[in-house]
Amino acid sequence: MNMRAIMSLYTHSLSGWTFKPSMEKTRYSLYCDESNIHNARYMLIGGLWIPQQHEMELRESLSKVRQDFNMTAEFKWTKVSNSKLMGYYEWVDCFFRNKNIGLRS
């Protein structure tokens, strides 16, 4: 990278040179998982990415759903009881309401 390219990443003010905020990199947290059935032809691989500055917000909303619906055990998506169904809906909605999350499968 030449000096002109390097200098284009900075702005100058009375207080000195500063890195342009628009050029700052965003750090992401990535989560991935896979699912398949024994001897099945296909496997599903899914991923979620979220900017680290928004991760705590998601964690708090998921914890609130667990607390509100008394969901203390591991989620078993194949065994959703009627008494916990609304909790599962709320859990999924946490991901779709948060516009900072990326989902892919």
N, C-alpha and C. Protein backbone atom coordinates (compact mmCIF):
# COMPACT_ATOMS: atom_id res chain seq x y z
N MET A 1 0.85 -1.17 0.00
CA MET A 1 0.00 0.00 0.00
C MET A 1 0.90 1.23 0.00
N ASN A 2 0.64 2.16 -0.90
CA ASN A 2 1.47 3.35 -0.95
C ASN A 2 1.00 4.40 0.07
N MET A 3 1.79 5.44 0.23
CA MET A 3 1.51 6.45 1.25
C MET A 3 0.19 7.16 0.99
N ARG A 4 -0.16 7.41 -0.26
CA ARG A 4 -1.42 8.09 -0.57
C ARG A 4 -2.60 7.22 -0.13
N ALA A 5 -2.53 5.92 -0.36
CA ALA A 5 -3.60 5.02 0.05
C ALA A 5 -3.72 4.97 1.57
N ILE A 6 -2.61 4.95 2.25
CA ILE A 6 -2.62 4.94 3.72
C ILE A 6 -3.23 6.23 4.25
N MET A 7 -2.82 7.37 3.70
CA MET A 7 -3.32 8.66 4.17
C MET A 7 -4.82 8.81 3.90
N SER A 8 -5.36 8.13 2.88
CA SER A 8 -6.79 8.24 2.59
C SER A 8 -7.64 7.58 3.68
N LEU A 9 -7.03 6.77 4.52
CA LEU A 9 -7.75 6.12 5.60
C LEU A 9 -7.89 7.01 6.83
N TYR A 10 -7.27 8.18 6.81
CA TYR A 10 -7.24 9.07 7.97
C TYR A 10 -7.81 10.44 7.61
N THR A 11 -8.28 11.14 8.62
CA THR A 11 -8.70 12.53 8.45
C THR A 11 -7.86 13.40 9.37
N HIS A 12 -7.69 14.65 9.00
CA HIS A 12 -6.90 15.56 9.81
C HIS A 12 -7.80 16.64 10.39
N SER A 13 -7.60 16.92 11.65
CA SER A 13 -8.32 18.01 12.30
C SER A 13 -7.32 18.76 13.17
N LEU A 14 -7.81 19.77 13.89
CA LEU A 14 -6.93 20.53 14.76
C LEU A 14 -6.28 19.66 15.83
N SER A 15 -6.96 18.56 16.21
CA SER A 15 -6.41 17.69 17.24
C SER A 15 -5.44 16.65 16.67
N GLY A 16 -5.29 16.59 15.38
CA GLY A 16 -4.34 15.66 14.77
C GLY A 16 -5.01 14.70 13.81
N TRP A 17 -4.30 13.64 13.48
CA TRP A 17 -4.79 12.64 12.52
C TRP A 17 -5.62 11.59 13.26
N THR A 18 -6.77 11.22 12.70
CA THR A 18 -7.60 10.17 13.29
C THR A 18 -8.06 9.22 12.19
N PHE A 19 -8.25 7.97 12.61
CA PHE A 19 -8.73 6.95 11.69
C PHE A 19 -10.18 7.25 11.34
N LYS A 20 -10.55 7.15 10.07
CA LYS A 20 -11.91 7.43 9.65
C LYS A 20 -12.86 6.38 10.23
N PRO A 21 -13.90 6.82 10.95
CA PRO A 21 -14.83 5.84 11.54
C PRO A 21 -15.48 4.93 10.50
N SER A 22 -15.71 5.45 9.31
CA SER A 22 -16.35 4.63 8.28
C SER A 22 -15.47 3.48 7.83
N MET A 23 -14.18 3.54 8.13
CA MET A 23 -13.27 2.49 7.71
C MET A 23 -12.98 1.49 8.83
N GLU A 24 -13.52 1.72 10.03
CA GLU A 24 -13.27 0.80 11.12
C GLU A 24 -13.92 -0.54 10.82
N LYS A 25 -13.28 -1.60 11.21
CA LYS A 25 -13.79 -2.94 10.95
C LYS A 25 -14.74 -3.37 12.06
N THR A 26 -15.77 -4.11 11.67
CA THR A 26 -16.71 -4.66 12.63
C THR A 26 -16.28 -6.08 12.96
N ARG A 27 -16.25 -6.41 14.25
CA ARG A 27 -15.95 -7.77 14.69
C ARG A 27 -17.26 -8.53 14.86
N TYR A 28 -17.27 -9.78 14.40
CA TYR A 28 -18.46 -10.60 14.46
C TYR A 28 -18.22 -11.83 15.32
N SER A 29 -19.29 -12.30 15.95
CA SER A 29 -19.30 -13.61 16.59
C SER A 29 -20.03 -14.54 15.64
N LEU A 30 -19.45 -15.71 15.41
CA LEU A 30 -20.01 -16.69 14.48
C LEU A 30 -20.41 -17.95 15.24
N TYR A 31 -21.58 -18.48 14.90
CA TYR A 31 -22.07 -19.72 15.49
C TYR A 31 -22.54 -20.62 14.36
N CYS A 32 -22.12 -21.88 14.38
CA CYS A 32 -22.51 -22.83 13.34
C CYS A 32 -22.93 -24.14 13.99
N ASP A 33 -23.77 -24.88 13.28
CA ASP A 33 -24.20 -26.19 13.75
C ASP A 33 -24.62 -27.02 12.54
N GLU A 34 -24.66 -28.32 12.74
CA GLU A 34 -25.10 -29.21 11.68
C GLU A 34 -26.16 -30.14 12.24
N SER A 35 -26.95 -30.68 11.35
CA SER A 35 -27.97 -31.63 11.75
C SER A 35 -28.17 -32.62 10.60
N ASN A 36 -28.31 -33.88 10.97
CA ASN A 36 -28.62 -34.88 9.97
C ASN A 36 -29.29 -36.07 10.65
N ILE A 37 -29.83 -36.92 9.84
CA ILE A 37 -30.44 -38.17 10.30
C ILE A 37 -29.53 -39.29 9.84
N HIS A 38 -29.31 -40.27 10.71
CA HIS A 38 -28.42 -41.38 10.39
C HIS A 38 -28.80 -42.01 9.04
N ASN A 39 -27.81 -42.18 8.20
CA ASN A 39 -27.97 -42.74 6.85
C ASN A 39 -28.81 -41.87 5.92
N ALA A 40 -28.99 -40.61 6.24
CA ALA A 40 -29.74 -39.71 5.36
C ALA A 40 -28.84 -39.25 4.23
N ARG A 41 -29.45 -38.89 3.14
CA ARG A 41 -28.69 -38.43 1.97
C ARG A 41 -28.15 -37.02 2.17
N TYR A 42 -28.85 -36.20 2.94
CA TYR A 42 -28.49 -34.80 3.09
C TYR A 42 -28.19 -34.44 4.54
N MET A 43 -27.41 -33.41 4.70
CA MET A 43 -27.11 -32.84 6.01
C MET A 43 -27.38 -31.35 5.93
N LEU A 44 -27.87 -30.77 7.00
CA LEU A 44 -28.13 -29.33 7.06
C LEU A 44 -27.03 -28.67 7.89
N ILE A 45 -26.46 -27.65 7.35
CA ILE A 45 -25.46 -26.86 8.08
C ILE A 45 -25.99 -25.43 8.14
N GLY A 46 -26.03 -24.88 9.33
CA GLY A 46 -26.55 -23.53 9.50
C GLY A 46 -25.54 -22.65 10.21
N GLY A 47 -25.68 -21.37 10.01
CA GLY A 47 -24.78 -20.43 10.66
C GLY A 47 -25.48 -19.14 11.03
N LEU A 48 -24.93 -18.49 12.03
CA LEU A 48 -25.45 -17.22 12.50
C LEU A 48 -24.25 -16.32 12.75
N TRP A 49 -24.33 -15.09 12.32
CA TRP A 49 -23.27 -14.13 12.63
C TRP A 49 -23.91 -12.85 13.15
N ILE A 50 -23.25 -12.28 14.15
CA ILE A 50 -23.78 -11.09 14.78
C ILE A 50 -22.63 -10.17 15.17
N PRO A 51 -22.74 -8.87 14.89
CA PRO A 51 -21.70 -7.95 15.34
C PRO A 51 -21.55 -8.05 16.86
N GLN A 52 -20.31 -8.11 17.32
CA GLN A 52 -20.08 -8.31 18.75
C GLN A 52 -20.72 -7.24 19.62
N GLN A 53 -20.87 -6.03 19.11
CA GLN A 53 -21.47 -4.98 19.93
C GLN A 53 -22.97 -5.22 20.14
N HIS A 54 -23.60 -6.16 19.40
CA HIS A 54 -25.02 -6.47 19.56
C HIS A 54 -25.26 -7.85 20.18
N GLU A 55 -24.19 -8.57 20.45
CA GLU A 55 -24.33 -9.94 20.95
C GLU A 55 -24.99 -9.98 22.33
N MET A 56 -24.62 -9.10 23.23
CA MET A 56 -25.17 -9.13 24.58
C MET A 56 -26.68 -8.87 24.56
N GLU A 57 -27.13 -8.00 23.68
CA GLU A 57 -28.56 -7.72 23.54
C GLU A 57 -29.32 -9.01 23.18
N LEU A 58 -28.78 -9.80 22.24
CA LEU A 58 -29.40 -11.05 21.86
C LEU A 58 -29.38 -12.04 23.02
N ARG A 59 -28.24 -12.16 23.68
CA ARG A 59 -28.13 -13.09 24.81
C ARG A 59 -29.15 -12.76 25.90
N GLU A 60 -29.32 -11.47 26.17
CA GLU A 60 -30.27 -11.06 27.20
C GLU A 60 -31.71 -11.38 26.80
N SER A 61 -32.06 -11.16 25.54
CA SER A 61 -33.43 -11.46 25.10
C SER A 61 -33.70 -12.97 25.13
N LEU A 62 -32.70 -13.78 24.79
CA LEU A 62 -32.86 -15.23 24.84
C LEU A 62 -32.98 -15.71 26.29
N SER A 63 -32.20 -15.13 27.18
CA SER A 63 -32.28 -15.48 28.60
C SER A 63 -33.64 -15.12 29.18
N LYS A 64 -34.19 -13.98 28.75
CA LYS A 64 -35.50 -13.55 29.24
C LYS A 64 -36.58 -14.54 28.80
N VAL A 65 -36.51 -15.02 27.56
CA VAL A 65 -37.48 -16.00 27.08
C VAL A 65 -37.38 -17.28 27.93
N ARG A 66 -36.16 -17.74 28.16
CA ARG A 66 -35.98 -18.95 28.97
C ARG A 66 -36.59 -18.75 30.36
N GLN A 67 -36.36 -17.60 30.96
CA GLN A 67 -36.88 -17.32 32.30
C GLN A 67 -38.41 -17.19 32.28
N ASP A 68 -38.94 -16.43 31.33
CA ASP A 68 -40.39 -16.19 31.26
C ASP A 68 -41.18 -17.49 31.05
N PHE A 69 -40.60 -18.44 30.31
CA PHE A 69 -41.32 -19.67 29.99
C PHE A 69 -40.78 -20.88 30.75
N ASN A 70 -39.93 -20.62 31.75
CA ASN A 70 -39.37 -21.68 32.59
C ASN A 70 -38.74 -22.79 31.74
N MET A 71 -37.91 -22.40 30.80
CA MET A 71 -37.26 -23.34 29.88
C MET A 71 -35.80 -23.50 30.32
N THR A 72 -35.56 -24.47 31.19
CA THR A 72 -34.22 -24.63 31.76
C THR A 72 -33.42 -25.74 31.09
N ALA A 73 -34.08 -26.67 30.45
CA ALA A 73 -33.39 -27.80 29.82
C ALA A 73 -32.95 -27.44 28.40
N GLU A 74 -32.13 -28.30 27.81
CA GLU A 74 -31.72 -28.12 26.41
C GLU A 74 -32.94 -28.20 25.52
N PHE A 75 -32.99 -27.37 24.49
CA PHE A 75 -34.12 -27.38 23.56
C PHE A 75 -34.04 -28.63 22.69
N LYS A 76 -35.17 -29.32 22.58
CA LYS A 76 -35.29 -30.46 21.68
C LYS A 76 -36.39 -30.13 20.68
N TRP A 77 -35.99 -29.74 19.49
CA TRP A 77 -36.93 -29.24 18.50
C TRP A 77 -37.87 -30.32 17.99
N THR A 78 -37.53 -31.58 18.19
CA THR A 78 -38.41 -32.67 17.76
C THR A 78 -39.41 -33.06 18.84
N LYS A 79 -39.26 -32.48 20.03
CA LYS A 79 -40.14 -32.83 21.16
C LYS A 79 -40.71 -31.59 21.83
N VAL A 80 -41.37 -30.74 21.07
CA VAL A 80 -41.93 -29.51 21.62
C VAL A 80 -43.31 -29.82 22.19
N SER A 81 -43.46 -29.60 23.48
CA SER A 81 -44.76 -29.84 24.13
C SER A 81 -45.65 -28.63 23.94
N ASN A 82 -46.94 -28.83 24.04
CA ASN A 82 -47.90 -27.72 23.92
C ASN A 82 -47.65 -26.67 25.00
N SER A 83 -47.22 -27.09 26.17
CA SER A 83 -47.00 -26.13 27.27
C SER A 83 -45.80 -25.22 27.01
N LYS A 84 -44.87 -25.65 26.17
CA LYS A 84 -43.67 -24.86 25.88
C LYS A 84 -43.69 -24.24 24.48
N LEU A 85 -44.74 -24.48 23.71
CA LEU A 85 -44.79 -24.04 22.32
C LEU A 85 -44.61 -22.53 22.17
N MET A 86 -45.28 -21.73 22.99
CA MET A 86 -45.15 -20.27 22.90
C MET A 86 -43.72 -19.83 23.24
N GLY A 87 -43.07 -20.52 24.14
CA GLY A 87 -41.67 -20.22 24.46
C GLY A 87 -40.76 -20.45 23.26
N TYR A 88 -41.01 -21.52 22.52
CA TYR A 88 -40.22 -21.80 21.31
C TYR A 88 -40.46 -20.71 20.26
N TYR A 89 -41.72 -20.31 20.11
CA TYR A 89 -42.02 -19.22 19.17
C TYR A 89 -41.28 -17.94 19.56
N GLU A 90 -41.32 -17.60 20.83
CA GLU A 90 -40.63 -16.40 21.31
C GLU A 90 -39.12 -16.51 21.09
N TRP A 91 -38.57 -17.68 21.33
CA TRP A 91 -37.13 -17.93 21.15
C TRP A 91 -36.73 -17.62 19.71
N VAL A 92 -37.47 -18.18 18.76
CA VAL A 92 -37.18 -17.96 17.33
C VAL A 92 -37.37 -16.49 16.96
N ASP A 93 -38.41 -15.86 17.51
CA ASP A 93 -38.66 -14.44 17.21
C ASP A 93 -37.51 -13.55 17.66
N CYS A 94 -36.78 -13.93 18.70
CA CYS A 94 -35.62 -13.15 19.14
C CYS A 94 -34.62 -12.96 18.00
N PHE A 95 -34.45 -13.98 17.19
CA PHE A 95 -33.50 -13.91 16.08
C PHE A 95 -34.03 -13.06 14.93
N PHE A 96 -35.32 -13.17 14.64
CA PHE A 96 -35.88 -12.45 13.49
C PHE A 96 -36.19 -10.99 13.81
N ARG A 97 -36.40 -10.67 15.07
CA ARG A 97 -36.63 -9.27 15.45
C ARG A 97 -35.33 -8.46 15.45
N ASN A 98 -34.22 -9.10 15.66
CA ASN A 98 -32.93 -8.42 15.74
C ASN A 98 -32.36 -8.28 14.33
N LYS A 99 -32.37 -7.07 13.80
CA LYS A 99 -31.94 -6.81 12.41
C LYS A 99 -30.42 -6.87 12.24
N ASN A 100 -29.67 -7.02 13.34
CA ASN A 100 -28.22 -7.08 13.25
C ASN A 100 -27.68 -8.49 13.03
N ILE A 101 -28.56 -9.47 13.04
CA ILE A 101 -28.15 -10.87 12.93
C ILE A 101 -28.24 -11.32 11.48
N GLY A 102 -27.27 -12.12 11.08
CA GLY A 102 -27.32 -12.77 9.78
C GLY A 102 -27.51 -14.27 9.99
N LEU A 103 -28.44 -14.86 9.26
CA LEU A 103 -28.71 -16.30 9.33
C LEU A 103 -28.53 -16.90 7.96
N ARG A 104 -28.02 -18.12 7.91
CA ARG A 104 -27.85 -18.81 6.64
C ARG A 104 -27.91 -20.31 6.89
N SER A 105 -28.58 -21.03 6.02
CA SER A 105 -28.57 -22.50 6.11
C SER A 105 -28.39 -23.08 4.73
